[in-house]
Amino acid sequence: MKSLYKTSSNYRRLLIVVLPVSTLMKGMLSYDRLIFRINQLYAPLHQLTICNKRSATHLQALSAKGRNGFTLVELIVTVTVLAIIVAIATPSILTQLTRMEAKRVKTQLENALALAKAESYITRQDVLVCLSNDGIQCDRNSDNMLILFVDKNGNKNFDTNADTLVLNQYFNLKYSTLKLRVGAGRHYIKFWGDSGKPRGHFGHIKYCPTSTYNDAMYQISFNQNGRVSQKLNQDHPTDCDG
């Protein structure tokens, strides 16, 4: 734009000089010849003026579009494309999240049971392990937490004023639930202080999916010697309905 304006200014200066000279030459040139020469000089300036106006109009249109943002059609197309991308990516993302949760819970359960075994043997006290929804009452099913405690009053539940808390393991499950199954229908596991073993309390904790995107299913089993192992559903049916 600056270049066009500068060129136009030069032609204006040229005409200011040429027109008086042309008037002086009127006696030597015919009238038609003089008009022809003036038109030749003015034509480039006229073309530059037209280009200048077109450029200004184009810039105004771009500026107006920038101020107004997206048009309705552009907005609809953008939203549609984003919706398609989200629809395609969501199942894959959720599947990955469920696998991460299943792997995390496996590690947490194995570590908690190993801690209960070690704590009972070192302190020579019985340590109870159970699932819990509120951190106090022992439950057979939960998606919230696992608690380890020394049950000093022997009521098989955690009492803050009487018992000693060893571990409160939060799970905050979003795609699954846990089910504790111990012999004789117990809702807890006891690791005896004289040996550190869950004598008479062998069983397993089931990891059961609650989401259609979660295909992980397994058991964390423990025998009477306190040996902990994972059993995958394809090798040993988890039976989450039981």
Protein backbone atom coordinates (compact mmCIF):
# COMPACT_ATOMS: atom_id res chain seq x y z
CA MET A 1 0.00 0.00 0.00
CA LYS A 2 2.79 2.43 0.84
CA SER A 3 4.51 1.63 -2.47
CA LEU A 4 1.31 2.32 -4.43
CA TYR A 5 0.77 5.61 -2.66
CA LYS A 6 4.36 6.67 -3.32
CA THR A 7 4.08 5.83 -7.04
CA SER A 8 0.76 7.69 -7.31
CA SER A 9 2.32 10.76 -5.70
CA ASN A 10 5.12 10.71 -8.25
CA TYR A 11 2.63 10.74 -11.12
CA ARG A 12 0.80 13.65 -9.55
CA ARG A 13 4.02 15.62 -9.39
CA LEU A 14 4.72 14.71 -13.02
CA LEU A 15 1.34 16.02 -14.15
CA ILE A 16 1.81 19.26 -12.23
CA VAL A 17 4.97 19.84 -14.24
CA VAL A 18 3.69 18.49 -17.57
CA LEU A 19 0.39 20.36 -17.74
CA PRO A 20 1.90 23.89 -17.67
CA VAL A 21 4.54 22.82 -20.17
CA SER A 22 1.83 21.36 -22.36
CA THR A 23 -0.04 24.65 -22.22
CA LEU A 24 3.05 26.44 -23.44
CA MET A 25 3.41 23.89 -26.25
CA LYS A 26 -0.20 24.31 -27.33
CA GLY A 27 0.88 26.61 -30.08
CA MET A 28 3.28 24.06 -31.50
CA LEU A 29 0.97 20.94 -31.12
CA SER A 30 -2.54 20.45 -32.38
CA TYR A 31 -5.32 20.30 -29.79
CA ASP A 32 -6.02 16.59 -30.41
CA ARG A 33 -2.35 15.78 -30.17
CA LEU A 34 -2.11 17.60 -26.84
CA ILE A 35 -5.10 15.71 -25.37
CA PHE A 36 -3.59 12.43 -26.50
CA ARG A 37 -0.30 13.19 -24.75
CA ILE A 38 -2.09 14.16 -21.51
CA ASN A 39 -4.12 10.93 -21.54
CA GLN A 40 -0.94 8.94 -21.96
CA LEU A 41 0.48 10.56 -18.86
CA TYR A 42 -2.72 10.18 -16.80
CA ALA A 43 -3.47 6.50 -17.63
CA PRO A 44 -0.89 4.92 -15.24
CA LEU A 45 -2.11 7.10 -12.38
CA HIS A 46 -5.71 6.05 -13.05
CA GLN A 47 -4.80 2.35 -12.97
CA LEU A 48 -2.91 2.80 -9.69
CA THR A 49 -5.92 4.51 -8.14
CA ILE A 50 -8.19 1.59 -9.10
CA CYS A 51 -5.73 -0.96 -7.64
CA ASN A 52 -5.46 1.12 -4.48
CA LYS A 53 -9.25 1.09 -3.99
CA ARG A 54 -9.47 -2.68 -4.58
CA SER A 55 -6.70 -3.37 -2.05
CA ALA A 56 -8.39 -1.17 0.54
CA THR A 57 -11.74 -2.95 0.01
CA HIS A 58 -10.07 -6.38 0.39
CA LEU A 59 -8.33 -5.33 3.60
CA GLN A 60 -11.59 -4.00 5.01
CA ALA A 61 -13.29 -7.33 4.26
CA LEU A 62 -10.52 -9.29 5.98
CA SER A 63 -10.63 -6.95 8.96
CA ALA A 64 -14.41 -7.33 9.26
CA LYS A 65 -14.11 -11.13 9.11
CA GLY A 66 -11.45 -11.05 11.82
CA ARG A 67 -13.72 -9.00 14.06
CA ASN A 68 -16.76 -11.19 13.45
CA GLY A 69 -14.90 -14.52 14.01
CA PHE A 70 -16.17 -17.78 12.49
CA THR A 71 -19.16 -17.85 10.21
CA LEU A 72 -22.01 -20.23 11.09
CA VAL A 73 -20.96 -22.73 8.42
CA GLU A 74 -17.34 -22.69 9.60
CA LEU A 75 -18.46 -23.21 13.20
CA ILE A 76 -20.71 -26.15 12.27
CA VAL A 77 -17.93 -27.82 10.27
CA THR A 78 -15.41 -27.33 13.10
CA VAL A 79 -17.76 -28.74 15.76
CA THR A 80 -18.65 -31.71 13.54
CA VAL A 81 -15.01 -32.59 12.92
CA LEU A 82 -14.21 -32.34 16.65
CA ALA A 83 -17.20 -34.53 17.52
CA ILE A 84 -16.03 -37.21 15.07
CA ILE A 85 -12.51 -37.15 16.50
CA VAL A 86 -13.81 -37.47 20.07
CA ALA A 87 -16.16 -40.33 19.12
CA ILE A 88 -13.30 -42.25 17.53
CA ALA A 89 -10.77 -41.60 20.30
CA THR A 90 -12.98 -42.10 23.39
CA PRO A 91 -13.20 -45.95 23.37
CA SER A 92 -9.44 -46.28 22.95
CA ILE A 93 -8.73 -43.79 25.74
CA LEU A 94 -11.18 -45.45 28.16
CA THR A 95 -9.77 -48.90 27.41
CA GLN A 96 -6.29 -47.65 28.20
CA LEU A 97 -7.49 -46.05 31.47
CA THR A 98 -9.15 -49.29 32.61
CA ARG A 99 -5.96 -51.24 31.95
CA MET A 100 -3.96 -48.74 33.97
CA GLU A 101 -6.43 -49.05 36.86
CA ALA A 102 -6.30 -52.86 36.79
CA LYS A 103 -2.50 -52.83 36.87
CA ARG A 104 -2.39 -50.26 39.68
CA VAL A 105 -4.87 -52.16 41.88
CA LYS A 106 -2.95 -55.42 41.41
CA THR A 107 0.21 -53.81 42.76
CA GLN A 108 -1.63 -52.14 45.65
CA LEU A 109 -3.28 -55.40 46.75
CA GLU A 110 -0.06 -57.40 46.58
CA ASN A 111 1.84 -54.75 48.56
CA ALA A 112 -0.90 -54.49 51.19
CA LEU A 113 -1.00 -58.25 51.79
CA ALA A 114 2.80 -58.41 51.97
CA LEU A 115 2.76 -55.59 54.52
CA ALA A 116 0.13 -57.35 56.64
CA LYS A 117 2.21 -60.53 56.71
CA ALA A 118 5.39 -58.68 57.67
CA GLU A 119 3.69 -56.45 60.25
CA SER A 120 2.01 -59.35 62.05
CA TYR A 121 5.24 -61.34 62.24
CA ILE A 122 7.45 -58.42 63.32
CA THR A 123 5.11 -57.04 65.98
CA ARG A 124 3.82 -60.47 67.04
CA GLN A 125 0.26 -59.18 66.82
CA ASP A 126 -2.69 -60.39 64.76
CA VAL A 127 -3.33 -58.09 61.80
CA LEU A 128 -6.71 -58.02 60.07
CA VAL A 129 -7.17 -57.09 56.42
CA CYS A 130 -10.54 -56.22 54.93
CA LEU A 131 -12.31 -54.15 52.31
CA SER A 132 -14.25 -51.17 53.61
CA ASN A 133 -16.56 -48.50 52.25
CA ASP A 134 -16.25 -46.13 55.21
CA GLY A 135 -12.88 -46.99 56.76
CA ILE A 136 -14.49 -48.54 59.86
CA GLN A 137 -16.85 -51.37 58.93
CA CYS A 138 -15.36 -54.41 57.19
CA ASP A 139 -17.20 -55.34 53.98
CA ARG A 140 -17.02 -58.18 51.50
CA ASN A 141 -17.38 -55.84 48.50
CA SER A 142 -16.00 -52.35 48.00
CA ASP A 143 -14.66 -49.95 45.39
CA ASN A 144 -13.25 -47.56 47.97
CA MET A 145 -10.48 -48.87 50.23
CA LEU A 146 -8.64 -51.69 51.96
CA ILE A 147 -7.72 -51.38 55.65
CA LEU A 148 -5.08 -53.16 57.74
CA PHE A 149 -5.34 -52.90 61.51
CA VAL A 150 -4.55 -54.59 64.81
CA ASP A 151 -7.94 -55.67 66.17
CA LYS A 152 -7.30 -55.20 69.89
CA ASN A 153 -10.94 -55.52 71.00
CA GLY A 154 -11.60 -58.52 68.73
CA ASN A 155 -14.84 -57.27 67.12
CA LYS A 156 -13.56 -57.76 63.52
CA ASN A 157 -14.10 -54.08 62.65
CA PHE A 158 -11.83 -51.07 63.01
CA ASP A 159 -12.45 -48.90 66.08
CA THR A 160 -10.49 -45.66 66.10
CA ASN A 161 -10.42 -45.51 69.91
CA ALA A 162 -9.30 -49.10 70.50
CA ASP A 163 -7.52 -50.52 67.46
CA THR A 164 -4.23 -49.65 65.77
CA LEU A 165 -4.39 -48.69 62.10
CA VAL A 166 -1.56 -50.12 59.99
CA LEU A 167 -2.66 -49.02 56.51
CA ASN A 168 -5.61 -47.33 54.86
CA GLN A 169 -5.23 -48.11 51.15
CA TYR A 170 -7.56 -46.02 49.00
CA PHE A 171 -8.49 -47.32 45.55
CA ASN A 172 -11.12 -44.86 44.26
CA LEU A 173 -12.12 -47.28 41.53
CA LYS A 174 -13.95 -45.91 38.48
CA TYR A 175 -14.15 -48.94 36.20
CA SER A 176 -14.29 -51.89 38.62
CA THR A 177 -15.09 -53.18 42.09
CA LEU A 178 -13.33 -55.53 44.52
CA LYS A 179 -14.75 -58.62 46.20
CA LEU A 180 -13.13 -60.36 49.18
CA ARG A 181 -13.82 -64.08 49.45
CA VAL A 182 -12.36 -65.93 52.45
CA GLY A 183 -13.05 -69.41 53.83
CA ALA A 184 -16.07 -69.90 56.11
CA GLY A 185 -17.73 -66.81 54.62
CA ARG A 186 -15.53 -64.39 56.55
CA HIS A 187 -15.38 -60.71 55.59
CA TYR A 188 -11.76 -60.29 56.68
CA ILE A 189 -8.32 -61.92 56.50
CA LYS A 190 -6.32 -62.56 59.67
CA PHE A 191 -2.54 -62.77 59.64
CA TRP A 192 -1.53 -64.45 62.90
CA GLY A 193 1.16 -62.81 64.97
CA ASP A 194 2.86 -66.09 65.91
CA SER A 195 3.73 -66.93 62.30
CA GLY A 196 2.73 -64.06 60.03
CA LYS A 197 0.51 -66.43 58.05
CA PRO A 198 -3.26 -66.27 57.34
CA ARG A 199 -3.86 -69.69 58.86
CA GLY A 200 -7.47 -70.74 58.23
CA HIS A 201 -8.12 -67.52 56.29
CA PHE A 202 -6.99 -68.40 52.79
CA GLY A 203 -8.96 -67.04 49.86
CA HIS A 204 -8.74 -64.29 47.26
CA ILE A 205 -9.71 -60.76 46.31
CA LYS A 206 -11.48 -60.46 42.96
CA TYR A 207 -11.00 -57.56 40.59
CA CYS A 208 -14.29 -57.27 38.68
CA PRO A 209 -15.01 -54.77 35.88
CA THR A 210 -18.02 -52.46 36.00
CA SER A 211 -17.38 -50.70 32.67
CA THR A 212 -17.95 -52.06 29.17
CA TYR A 213 -14.50 -50.78 28.24
CA ASN A 214 -12.84 -52.82 30.99
CA ASP A 215 -11.92 -56.35 29.93
CA ALA A 216 -9.56 -56.98 32.86
CA MET A 217 -10.62 -59.62 35.38
CA TYR A 218 -8.43 -61.46 37.87
CA GLN A 219 -7.93 -62.74 41.43
CA ILE A 220 -5.25 -61.92 43.95
CA SER A 221 -5.03 -65.19 45.86
CA PHE A 222 -3.34 -66.01 49.17
CA ASN A 223 -2.87 -69.46 50.66
CA GLN A 224 -2.40 -70.54 54.28
CA ASN A 225 1.32 -69.86 54.08
CA GLY A 226 0.67 -66.29 53.04
CA ARG A 227 1.90 -66.74 49.48
CA VAL A 228 0.29 -64.13 47.23
CA SER A 229 -0.25 -64.64 43.50
CA GLN A 230 -2.32 -63.27 40.64
CA LYS A 231 -4.66 -65.54 38.70
CA LEU A 232 -5.93 -64.18 35.39
CA ASN A 233 -9.48 -64.89 34.30
CA GLN A 234 -8.40 -66.85 31.21
CA ASP A 235 -6.32 -69.19 33.37
CA HIS A 236 -8.61 -69.39 36.38
CA PRO A 237 -12.22 -68.10 36.03
CA THR A 238 -12.72 -65.12 38.31
CA ASP A 239 -16.49 -65.66 38.65
CA CYS A 240 -17.37 -62.06 39.48
CA ASP A 241 -21.03 -63.03 39.93
CA GLY A 242 -20.17 -65.12 42.97
